[in-house]
Amino acid sequence: MTDVLNPIIIDQKYCPNPPCNEQVTSNVQISDVTYSNIWGSSSSKDAVTLKCSKSSPCKNIVMNNIKLSLNGPGGTASSYCENALGVSYGTQNPPSCI
């Protein structure tokens, strides 16, 4: 990936036209997703974003050998997880939030 906006993302709180009702949660179960050997640069600070539903959290998410740097000013790339369950192994840049 080169200069990608949101390289790794699951967003069950997606809101294309704010204001959105925060009380609405997804009942779709996301599970058994593997991200493996992903490298390059992100144009967004949160290179990894996993925003999963509180009522149906993401399960069995696997992060394996992730190497994403922030392209441009703003420090280093980061990860953000919410209601995401799984494992990470191998290289993790940015550090895994799972």
Protein backbone atom coordinates (compact mmCIF):
# COMPACT_ATOMS: atom_id res chain seq x y z
CA MET A 1 0.00 0.00 0.00
CA THR A 2 1.22 3.50 -0.74
CA ASP A 3 -0.28 6.55 1.01
CA VAL A 4 -3.63 4.81 1.64
CA LEU A 5 -6.39 6.46 3.69
CA ASN A 6 -7.53 3.92 6.34
CA PRO A 7 -5.45 0.92 5.19
CA ILE A 8 -7.01 -1.57 7.64
CA ILE A 9 -10.54 -0.79 8.77
CA ILE A 10 -13.68 -2.40 10.14
CA ASP A 11 -16.25 0.25 11.04
CA GLN A 12 -19.62 -0.87 12.35
CA LYS A 13 -20.26 2.70 13.50
CA TYR A 14 -19.98 4.19 10.01
CA CYS A 15 -21.96 7.39 9.65
CA PRO A 16 -21.90 9.00 6.19
CA ASN A 17 -24.24 11.90 7.08
CA PRO A 18 -23.88 13.24 10.65
CA PRO A 19 -25.47 13.70 13.09
CA CYS A 20 -25.84 10.00 13.76
CA ASN A 21 -27.53 8.17 16.57
CA GLU A 22 -24.82 6.64 18.78
CA GLN A 23 -27.43 4.30 20.28
CA VAL A 24 -27.73 2.36 17.02
CA THR A 25 -25.50 -0.71 17.03
CA SER A 26 -24.91 -3.33 14.40
CA ASN A 27 -26.25 -6.82 14.93
CA VAL A 28 -24.02 -8.21 12.20
CA GLN A 29 -21.37 -10.53 13.63
CA ILE A 30 -17.96 -10.07 12.01
CA SER A 31 -15.61 -12.97 12.71
CA ASP A 32 -12.68 -14.95 11.38
CA VAL A 33 -10.96 -12.09 9.55
CA THR A 34 -7.19 -12.31 8.94
CA TYR A 35 -4.91 -9.45 7.93
CA SER A 36 -1.55 -10.92 6.93
CA ASN A 37 1.66 -9.49 5.44
CA ILE A 38 0.35 -5.97 4.87
CA TRP A 39 3.00 -3.29 4.43
CA GLY A 40 3.30 0.25 3.14
CA SER A 41 2.21 3.73 4.19
CA SER A 42 -0.95 5.29 5.55
CA SER A 43 -2.16 8.84 4.92
CA SER A 44 -4.27 8.65 8.11
CA LYS A 45 -2.80 8.55 11.63
CA ASP A 46 -4.96 5.53 12.57
CA ALA A 47 -3.56 3.04 10.09
CA VAL A 48 -5.51 0.25 11.80
CA THR A 49 -9.09 0.94 12.93
CA LEU A 50 -11.34 -1.80 14.25
CA LYS A 51 -14.61 -0.24 15.49
CA CYS A 52 -16.89 -3.12 16.27
CA SER A 53 -20.38 -3.22 17.74
CA LYS A 54 -20.80 -3.57 21.49
CA SER A 55 -23.81 -5.88 21.00
CA SER A 56 -22.00 -8.07 18.43
CA PRO A 57 -18.24 -7.62 18.89
CA CYS A 58 -15.80 -8.70 16.20
CA LYS A 59 -14.30 -12.10 17.05
CA ASN A 60 -11.27 -14.06 15.91
CA ILE A 61 -9.52 -11.14 14.22
CA VAL A 62 -5.93 -12.09 13.34
CA MET A 63 -3.20 -9.52 12.70
CA ASN A 64 -0.04 -11.10 11.26
CA ASN A 65 3.02 -9.14 10.09
CA ILE A 66 1.60 -5.64 9.71
CA LYS A 67 4.11 -2.94 8.70
CA LEU A 68 2.38 0.40 8.10
CA SER A 69 4.05 3.78 8.56
CA LEU A 70 2.47 7.22 8.56
CA ASN A 71 3.15 9.11 5.34
CA GLY A 72 3.67 12.78 6.15
CA PRO A 73 3.77 14.88 9.33
CA GLY A 74 2.01 13.94 12.54
CA GLY A 75 4.29 11.44 14.24
CA THR A 76 3.84 7.72 13.87
CA ALA A 77 0.95 5.55 12.72
CA SER A 78 -1.34 4.14 15.41
CA SER A 79 -4.02 1.50 15.96
CA TYR A 80 -7.49 1.93 17.43
CA CYS A 81 -9.70 -0.97 18.54
CA GLU A 82 -13.16 -1.02 20.06
CA ASN A 83 -14.96 -4.30 20.86
CA ALA A 84 -12.51 -6.28 18.69
CA LEU A 85 -11.27 -9.64 19.94
CA GLY A 86 -8.45 -11.64 18.43
CA VAL A 87 -4.70 -12.18 18.31
CA SER A 88 -1.67 -10.56 16.78
CA TYR A 89 1.71 -12.02 16.03
CA GLY A 90 4.81 -11.32 14.01
CA THR A 91 5.80 -7.73 13.31
CA GLN A 92 3.19 -5.18 14.41
CA ASN A 93 3.77 -1.61 13.25
CA PRO A 94 1.82 0.25 14.45
CA PRO A 95 1.60 -1.76 17.70
CA SER A 96 -1.51 -3.94 17.74
CA CYS A 97 -4.49 -2.90 19.85
CA ILE A 98 -5.90 -6.45 19.91
